[in-house]
Amino acid sequence: MPTINRFAALHPEITEWRRDIHAHPELMFDVERTAGIVADKLKAFGVDEVVTGIGRTGVVGIIKGRDTGSGRVIGLRADMDALPILEATGVPHASQTPGKMHACGHDGHTAMLLGAAQYLAETRNFDGAVALIFQPAEEGGGGGREMVEDGMMDRFGIQEVYGMHNRPGLPVGQFLTRPGSIMASADEFEITVEGTGGHAAYPHQCVDSTLIAAQIMLSLQTVVSRNVDPVQSAVVSVTQLHAGEAFNVIPPTAVLRGTVRTLKPEIRDLVEARMAEVVELTARALGGKAVLDYRRKYPVVVNDPARTEFAASVARQVAGDARVDVDAPPVMGGEDFAFMLESRPGAFIFVGNGDTAPVHHPGFDFNDEAIPHGCSYWAKLVETAMPLAG
């Protein structure tokens, strides 16, 4: 079955919403304007209950079906925040705030869920209730965790939860998902190296923190290559090295920062433990000290197998069998929808964004042609999961 005809009619209007949000990006939890727009539109659509301030600045809207006898409540989640990137798209609706832009498509995610909300509030062709979840701070702030810890799941009786993200490089109208681990855990680390500084001409009188930092950086790569099973997945990336200010001074301290990505909890535990050993012992071998500060941020995104198959069956209604891949390889990017999937069973799916710049790139812009496909997926998911009797 194709996309729902109603979304073809709504497409220009939803596109306007999306481009307005794109032009006014907001970061982390500071999404007051975007959350205000979401809440106002939900109320204008006739959504039964609109609650703001969930997880600080999140919004939840509840739509009841024509019948609620099934007692089922399904959550649909979209993220609202942007990124601290200087936009370079040159489009008319480009960011009006220098240094901030919607470089991951959250503007499109929000607009598509709003479009689905309008349709579902108009039609109500389902037995149960849908919770529309508009989340702040996906980009590093853990807004998903904040909403869960704020009691969202119990407060609104959410039993299952579903998420969707655009995918550059995947043709518009196609979908990707997989059961089990679909996106990696995303952790941060900081390593502080201590030596004894001094004149660069007399290195024998110093303990060189930069040399220790360099050796640690190289040695950390052995954690993946020599400790993780080759058929498993892990990434250790050092992305920052800060040390010294003068060309002729060996600095007493150096700092390394970076990220770790894994697809299984046991691999996550292994990498953290081995990193701590490598950091401490490498520094000691070279006469210095080093301390690892390992910060667990986002867990692995784990799709429930049964809900994944159901989500794929809904995507097939929208796109056709040949345009839905249910065996897509996992990706090493992180997603804090993981916190919602730890709280309730559900599934995460990718929708095609076409031939665009990659996400988190200054030239990225959400493809508005994807809007009817994403909206139709949300609407059909609700109607299929909670059909009206007869």
Protein backbone atom coordinates (compact mmCIF):
# COMPACT_ATOMS: atom_id res chain seq x y z
CA MET A 1 0.00 0.00 0.00
CA PRO A 2 1.28 3.54 -0.71
CA THR A 3 1.56 6.46 1.67
CA ILE A 4 -1.68 7.79 3.12
CA ASN A 5 -3.37 10.31 0.80
CA ARG A 6 -4.02 12.75 3.64
CA PHE A 7 -0.29 13.32 3.99
CA ALA A 8 0.01 14.32 0.35
CA ALA A 9 -2.45 17.13 1.11
CA LEU A 10 -0.67 18.04 4.36
CA HIS A 11 2.81 17.81 2.84
CA PRO A 12 3.26 21.55 2.04
CA GLU A 13 2.09 22.56 5.50
CA ILE A 14 4.28 20.03 7.30
CA THR A 15 7.21 21.19 5.17
CA GLU A 16 6.60 24.75 6.36
CA TRP A 17 6.67 23.59 9.98
CA ARG A 18 9.89 21.70 9.37
CA ARG A 19 11.63 24.63 7.70
CA ASP A 20 10.56 27.04 10.42
CA ILE A 21 12.04 24.74 13.06
CA HIS A 22 15.17 24.38 10.92
CA ALA A 23 15.61 28.15 10.75
CA HIS A 24 15.41 28.45 14.55
CA PRO A 25 17.60 25.67 15.96
CA GLU A 26 17.92 25.13 19.71
CA LEU A 27 20.43 23.03 21.61
CA MET A 28 20.15 20.36 24.27
CA PHE A 29 17.40 21.13 26.82
CA ASP A 30 17.05 24.75 25.68
CA VAL A 31 14.28 23.95 23.20
CA GLU A 32 11.62 26.28 24.58
CA ARG A 33 10.60 27.71 21.19
CA THR A 34 10.39 24.31 19.50
CA ALA A 35 8.58 22.71 22.44
CA GLY A 36 6.17 25.64 22.50
CA ILE A 37 5.38 25.20 18.82
CA VAL A 38 4.84 21.47 19.35
CA ALA A 39 2.51 22.02 22.33
CA ASP A 40 0.51 24.72 20.54
CA LYS A 41 0.01 22.59 17.44
CA LEU A 42 -1.00 19.53 19.43
CA LYS A 43 -3.63 21.60 21.23
CA ALA A 44 -4.84 23.05 17.93
CA PHE A 45 -5.19 19.52 16.51
CA GLY A 46 -7.50 18.59 19.39
CA VAL A 47 -5.08 16.22 21.10
CA ASP A 48 -6.75 15.03 24.30
CA GLU A 49 -3.92 15.85 26.70
CA VAL A 50 -0.77 17.92 26.20
CA VAL A 51 1.82 17.94 28.96
CA THR A 52 4.98 20.06 28.86
CA GLY A 53 8.08 20.00 31.05
CA ILE A 54 8.58 16.22 30.96
CA GLY A 55 12.30 15.54 31.31
CA ARG A 56 12.79 19.31 31.75
CA THR A 57 11.58 20.51 28.33
CA GLY A 58 9.97 17.49 26.71
CA VAL A 59 6.37 17.39 25.50
CA VAL A 60 3.93 14.47 25.58
CA GLY A 61 0.58 14.47 23.79
CA ILE A 62 -2.08 11.80 24.30
CA ILE A 63 -4.61 10.93 21.60
CA LYS A 64 -7.40 8.50 22.46
CA GLY A 65 -8.87 6.32 19.76
CA ARG A 66 -12.56 5.95 18.94
CA ASP A 67 -12.49 3.06 21.35
CA THR A 68 -10.14 2.54 24.29
CA GLY A 69 -11.37 -0.85 25.38
CA SER A 70 -8.14 -2.57 24.43
CA GLY A 71 -6.33 -0.60 27.13
CA ARG A 72 -3.26 -0.40 24.91
CA VAL A 73 -0.98 2.63 24.90
CA ILE A 74 1.83 2.97 22.35
CA GLY A 75 4.53 5.64 22.44
CA LEU A 76 5.96 7.32 19.34
CA ARG A 77 9.11 9.39 19.84
CA ALA A 78 10.72 12.29 17.94
CA ASP A 79 13.72 14.40 19.02
CA MET A 80 13.72 18.21 18.86
CA ASP A 81 17.27 19.50 19.48
CA ALA A 82 19.91 20.75 17.04
CA LEU A 83 23.73 20.73 17.00
CA PRO A 84 26.45 23.34 17.67
CA ILE A 85 27.53 23.50 14.01
CA LEU A 86 27.82 26.48 11.65
CA GLU A 87 25.39 25.77 8.79
CA ALA A 88 26.71 25.79 5.22
CA THR A 89 23.66 24.67 3.21
CA GLY A 90 22.79 28.02 1.66
CA VAL A 91 19.09 27.11 1.63
CA PRO A 92 16.49 29.87 2.15
CA HIS A 93 15.41 28.31 5.45
CA ALA A 94 18.95 28.03 6.81
CA SER A 95 19.67 28.61 10.47
CA GLN A 96 19.22 32.18 11.65
CA THR A 97 21.43 31.49 14.67
CA PRO A 98 25.13 31.29 13.77
CA GLY A 99 26.82 28.25 15.25
CA LYS A 100 23.63 26.25 15.63
CA MET A 101 21.91 24.08 13.02
CA HIS A 102 19.65 21.08 12.52
CA ALA A 103 22.43 18.89 11.14
CA CYS A 104 20.82 15.58 12.13
CA GLY A 105 17.26 15.99 10.90
CA HIS A 106 15.51 16.34 14.22
CA ASP A 107 13.50 19.16 12.64
CA GLY A 108 12.16 16.58 10.18
CA HIS A 109 11.50 14.03 12.92
CA THR A 110 9.49 16.58 14.90
CA ALA A 111 7.54 17.71 11.84
CA MET A 112 6.69 14.14 10.79
CA LEU A 113 5.37 13.23 14.23
CA LEU A 114 3.33 16.45 14.27
CA GLY A 115 1.89 15.51 10.89
CA ALA A 116 0.98 12.07 12.18
CA ALA A 117 -0.56 13.67 15.27
CA GLN A 118 -2.85 15.85 13.16
CA TYR A 119 -4.03 12.86 11.15
CA LEU A 120 -4.53 10.62 14.20
CA ALA A 121 -6.46 13.32 16.05
CA GLU A 122 -8.72 13.77 13.00
CA THR A 123 -9.39 10.11 12.30
CA ARG A 124 -8.93 8.21 15.59
CA ASN A 125 -9.21 4.91 13.72
CA PHE A 126 -7.73 2.83 16.53
CA ASP A 127 -8.67 1.16 19.80
CA GLY A 128 -6.41 2.46 22.57
CA ALA A 129 -4.24 5.52 23.01
CA VAL A 130 -1.07 6.91 21.47
CA ALA A 131 1.53 8.90 23.39
CA LEU A 132 3.36 11.39 21.17
CA ILE A 133 6.80 11.92 22.73
CA PHE A 134 8.80 15.02 21.72
CA GLN A 135 12.20 14.74 23.36
CA PRO A 136 14.91 17.34 24.04
CA ALA A 137 18.67 16.84 24.29
CA GLU A 138 19.26 13.73 22.20
CA GLU A 139 22.60 15.16 21.07
CA GLY A 140 24.66 14.34 24.14
CA GLY A 141 22.31 15.49 26.88
CA GLY A 142 20.46 12.26 27.55
CA GLY A 143 17.00 13.75 27.19
CA GLY A 144 15.55 10.29 26.68
CA ARG A 145 16.89 9.20 30.05
CA GLU A 146 15.52 12.38 31.66
CA MET A 147 12.02 11.73 30.32
CA VAL A 148 12.06 8.12 31.51
CA GLU A 149 13.39 9.10 34.94
CA ASP A 150 10.67 11.75 35.15
CA GLY A 151 8.16 8.89 35.20
CA MET A 152 6.86 9.30 31.67
CA MET A 153 6.26 5.61 30.96
CA ASP A 154 4.22 4.96 34.11
CA ARG A 155 2.47 8.34 34.13
CA PHE A 156 0.99 7.82 30.66
CA GLY A 157 0.76 4.02 30.82
CA ILE A 158 3.06 3.50 27.83
CA GLN A 159 3.47 -0.20 27.07
CA GLU A 160 5.55 -0.12 23.88
CA VAL A 161 7.68 2.61 22.31
CA TYR A 162 8.89 3.22 18.77
CA GLY A 163 11.45 5.59 17.29
CA MET A 164 12.48 6.66 13.79
CA HIS A 165 15.52 8.44 12.30
CA ASN A 166 16.29 9.65 8.80
CA ARG A 167 19.13 7.91 6.90
CA PRO A 168 21.19 9.81 4.29
CA GLY A 169 22.19 7.57 1.40
CA LEU A 170 19.07 5.44 1.70
CA PRO A 171 16.59 6.29 -1.07
CA VAL A 172 13.49 8.21 -0.03
CA GLY A 173 10.63 5.79 0.65
CA GLN A 174 12.84 2.97 1.89
CA PHE A 175 13.21 1.69 5.46
CA LEU A 176 15.93 -0.15 7.39
CA THR A 177 15.81 -1.94 10.72
CA ARG A 178 17.03 -5.10 12.46
CA PRO A 179 16.22 -7.08 15.62
CA GLY A 180 18.64 -6.84 18.53
CA SER A 181 21.46 -4.29 18.64
CA ILE A 182 20.94 -1.67 15.95
CA MET A 183 22.98 1.26 17.30
CA ALA A 184 26.02 1.31 19.56
CA SER A 185 26.54 2.44 23.09
CA ALA A 186 28.20 5.86 23.16
CA ASP A 187 30.65 6.59 25.97
CA GLU A 188 33.16 9.37 26.62
CA PHE A 189 36.55 9.26 28.27
CA GLU A 190 39.17 11.69 29.54
CA ILE A 191 42.71 10.64 30.39
CA THR A 192 44.86 12.94 32.51
CA VAL A 193 48.60 12.26 32.19
CA GLU A 194 51.05 13.55 34.78
CA GLY A 195 54.80 13.81 34.23
CA THR A 196 57.39 16.33 35.31
CA GLY A 197 57.89 19.24 32.96
CA GLY A 198 61.08 20.97 32.03
CA HIS A 199 63.28 22.31 29.26
CA ALA A 200 62.84 20.52 25.94
CA ALA A 201 66.59 20.48 25.47
CA TYR A 202 67.00 18.28 28.55
CA PRO A 203 64.40 15.52 28.22
CA HIS A 204 66.46 13.21 30.43
CA GLN A 205 65.64 15.51 33.34
CA CYS A 206 61.88 15.26 32.72
CA VAL A 207 59.07 12.74 32.57
CA ASP A 208 57.52 13.65 29.23
CA SER A 209 53.73 13.77 29.48
CA THR A 210 53.37 14.15 25.70
CA LEU A 211 55.35 10.96 25.07
CA ILE A 212 53.24 9.09 27.60
CA ALA A 213 50.06 10.46 26.01
CA ALA A 214 51.24 9.39 22.56
CA GLN A 215 52.05 5.88 23.75
CA ILE A 216 48.68 5.61 25.50
CA MET A 217 46.92 6.74 22.33
CA LEU A 218 48.62 4.04 20.29
CA SER A 219 48.24 1.36 22.95
CA LEU A 220 44.51 1.96 23.28
CA GLN A 221 44.07 0.63 19.74
CA THR A 222 45.29 -2.77 20.93
CA VAL A 223 42.22 -3.00 23.18
CA VAL A 224 40.08 -3.52 20.10
CA SER A 225 42.59 -5.35 17.93
CA ARG A 226 43.88 -7.76 20.59
CA ASN A 227 41.21 -8.02 23.30
CA VAL A 228 37.86 -7.85 21.50
CA ASP A 229 36.74 -10.91 19.54
CA PRO A 230 37.29 -10.05 15.85
CA VAL A 231 33.70 -10.97 15.00
CA GLN A 232 32.42 -8.44 17.54
CA SER A 233 32.37 -4.66 17.11
CA ALA A 234 34.08 -1.93 19.11
CA VAL A 235 35.56 1.48 18.41
CA VAL A 236 38.02 3.43 20.56
CA SER A 237 38.73 6.86 19.10
CA VAL A 238 40.96 9.49 20.68
CA THR A 239 39.65 12.79 19.32
CA GLN A 240 41.54 15.36 21.42
CA LEU A 241 45.07 15.75 22.74
CA HIS A 242 45.89 18.88 24.73
CA ALA A 243 49.40 19.54 26.07
CA GLY A 244 51.80 22.43 26.42
CA GLU A 245 51.97 25.98 25.11
CA ALA A 246 55.63 26.58 24.19
CA PHE A 247 57.81 24.89 21.55
CA ASN A 248 60.75 24.48 23.92
CA VAL A 249 58.99 23.30 27.09
CA ILE A 250 58.02 19.75 27.96
CA PRO A 251 54.66 20.15 29.70
CA PRO A 252 54.01 18.46 33.05
CA THR A 253 50.52 17.33 32.06
CA ALA A 254 48.61 16.20 28.98
CA VAL A 255 44.94 15.39 28.46
CA LEU A 256 43.39 12.92 26.00
CA ARG A 257 39.69 12.76 25.25
CA GLY A 258 37.61 10.54 23.03
CA THR A 259 34.74 8.12 22.59
CA VAL A 260 34.05 4.38 22.82
CA ARG A 261 31.34 2.55 20.87
CA THR A 262 30.23 -1.06 21.37
CA LEU A 263 27.23 -3.22 20.47
CA LYS A 264 27.10 -5.54 23.48
CA PRO A 265 27.14 -4.80 27.22
CA GLU A 266 29.86 -7.39 27.87
CA ILE A 267 32.11 -5.83 25.21
CA ARG A 268 31.48 -2.44 26.78
CA ASP A 269 32.61 -3.79 30.16
CA LEU A 270 35.68 -5.41 28.62
CA VAL A 271 36.79 -2.26 26.80
CA GLU A 272 36.40 -0.05 29.86
CA ALA A 273 38.37 -2.47 32.07
CA ARG A 274 41.20 -2.93 29.58
CA MET A 275 41.44 0.80 28.89
CA ALA A 276 41.94 1.47 32.60
CA GLU A 277 44.78 -1.06 32.73
CA VAL A 278 46.46 0.20 29.56
CA VAL A 279 46.31 3.81 30.72
CA GLU A 280 47.71 3.16 34.19
CA LEU A 281 50.43 0.69 33.23
CA THR A 282 51.64 2.52 30.13
CA ALA A 283 52.12 5.70 32.13
CA ARG A 284 53.86 3.81 34.94
CA ALA A 285 56.24 2.11 32.51
CA LEU A 286 57.36 5.53 31.30
CA GLY A 287 57.78 6.99 34.76
CA GLY A 288 54.56 8.98 35.00
CA LYS A 289 50.97 8.64 36.12
CA ALA A 290 47.69 8.62 34.24
CA VAL A 291 44.07 8.39 35.31
CA LEU A 292 41.13 7.31 33.15
CA ASP A 293 37.76 9.02 33.68
CA TYR A 294 35.34 6.78 31.76
CA ARG A 295 31.79 8.15 31.46
CA ARG A 296 29.01 5.88 30.27
CA LYS A 297 26.59 8.00 28.24
CA TYR A 298 24.12 6.10 26.02
CA PRO A 299 23.46 2.34 26.16
CA VAL A 300 23.18 0.07 23.14
CA VAL A 301 19.94 0.55 21.20
CA VAL A 302 18.35 -2.91 21.36
CA ASN A 303 15.26 -3.65 19.28
CA ASP A 304 12.80 -6.18 20.62
CA PRO A 305 12.59 -8.94 17.96
CA ALA A 306 8.79 -9.23 17.91
CA ARG A 307 8.26 -5.46 17.81
CA THR A 308 10.91 -5.14 15.12
CA GLU A 309 9.09 -7.59 12.88
CA PHE A 310 5.88 -5.72 13.54
CA ALA A 311 7.52 -2.37 12.70
CA ALA A 312 8.89 -3.88 9.49
CA SER A 313 5.44 -5.18 8.54
CA VAL A 314 4.06 -1.65 8.95
CA ALA A 315 6.90 -0.22 6.84
CA ARG A 316 6.03 -2.77 4.14
CA GLN A 317 2.47 -1.39 4.07
CA VAL A 318 3.95 2.02 3.29
CA ALA A 319 6.86 1.12 1.04
CA GLY A 320 6.31 -2.40 -0.28
CA ASP A 321 8.25 -5.56 0.55
CA ALA A 322 11.27 -4.79 -1.65
CA ARG A 323 11.88 -1.42 -0.01
CA VAL A 324 12.14 -2.62 3.59
CA ASP A 325 15.38 -4.20 4.84
CA VAL A 326 15.00 -6.10 8.13
CA ASP A 327 18.61 -7.33 8.20
CA ALA A 328 20.45 -4.03 8.02
CA PRO A 329 23.90 -3.99 9.62
CA PRO A 330 24.11 -2.17 12.95
CA VAL A 331 25.75 1.25 13.05
CA MET A 332 28.30 2.52 15.56
CA GLY A 333 26.54 5.84 16.09
CA GLY A 334 24.75 6.33 19.39
CA GLU A 335 21.10 7.19 20.14
CA ASP A 336 19.54 7.93 23.49
CA PHE A 337 16.29 6.28 22.43
CA ALA A 338 18.18 3.38 24.03
CA PHE A 339 16.94 4.56 27.43
CA MET A 340 13.32 4.27 26.31
CA LEU A 341 13.93 0.78 24.91
CA GLU A 342 15.49 -0.22 28.23
CA SER A 343 12.26 0.87 29.92
CA ARG A 344 9.76 -0.57 27.44
CA PRO A 345 9.93 -3.01 24.48
CA GLY A 346 9.82 -1.49 21.03
CA ALA A 347 11.80 -0.86 17.87
CA PHE A 348 13.88 1.79 16.13
CA ILE A 349 13.75 2.19 12.34
CA PHE A 350 15.52 4.28 9.68
CA VAL A 351 13.67 6.08 6.87
CA GLY A 352 15.45 7.09 3.68
CA ASN A 353 16.64 10.68 3.34
CA GLY A 354 17.97 10.27 -0.19
CA ASP A 355 21.23 11.55 -1.64
CA THR A 356 22.07 14.21 0.95
CA ALA A 357 25.09 15.20 2.99
CA PRO A 358 25.69 12.92 6.00
CA VAL A 359 24.25 13.79 9.38
CA HIS A 360 26.35 16.09 11.61
CA HIS A 361 27.72 17.78 8.48
CA PRO A 362 27.44 21.56 7.86
CA GLY A 363 25.82 20.84 4.49
CA PHE A 364 23.10 18.50 5.77
CA ASP A 365 19.42 19.32 5.33
CA PHE A 366 16.48 17.01 5.99
CA ASN A 367 14.81 15.91 2.75
CA ASP A 368 11.19 17.09 2.81
CA GLU A 369 10.25 14.40 0.29
CA ALA A 370 10.60 11.89 3.13
CA ILE A 371 7.78 13.51 5.11
CA PRO A 372 4.78 11.56 3.68
CA HIS A 373 6.63 8.27 4.16
CA GLY A 374 7.53 8.95 7.80
CA CYS A 375 4.06 10.28 8.64
CA SER A 376 2.38 7.30 6.99
CA TYR A 377 4.60 4.90 8.92
CA TRP A 378 3.58 6.46 12.23
CA ALA A 379 -0.12 6.50 11.39
CA LYS A 380 -0.22 2.95 10.06
CA LEU A 381 1.77 1.69 13.04
CA VAL A 382 -0.93 3.00 15.42
CA GLU A 383 -3.85 1.79 13.32
CA THR A 384 -2.30 -1.64 12.74
CA ALA A 385 -1.21 -2.20 16.33
CA MET A 386 -4.56 -1.14 17.80
CA PRO A 387 -7.26 -1.89 15.19
CA LEU A 388 -10.88 -1.02 15.76
CA ALA A 389 -13.16 -4.02 16.19
CA GLY A 390 -15.06 -4.96 13.07
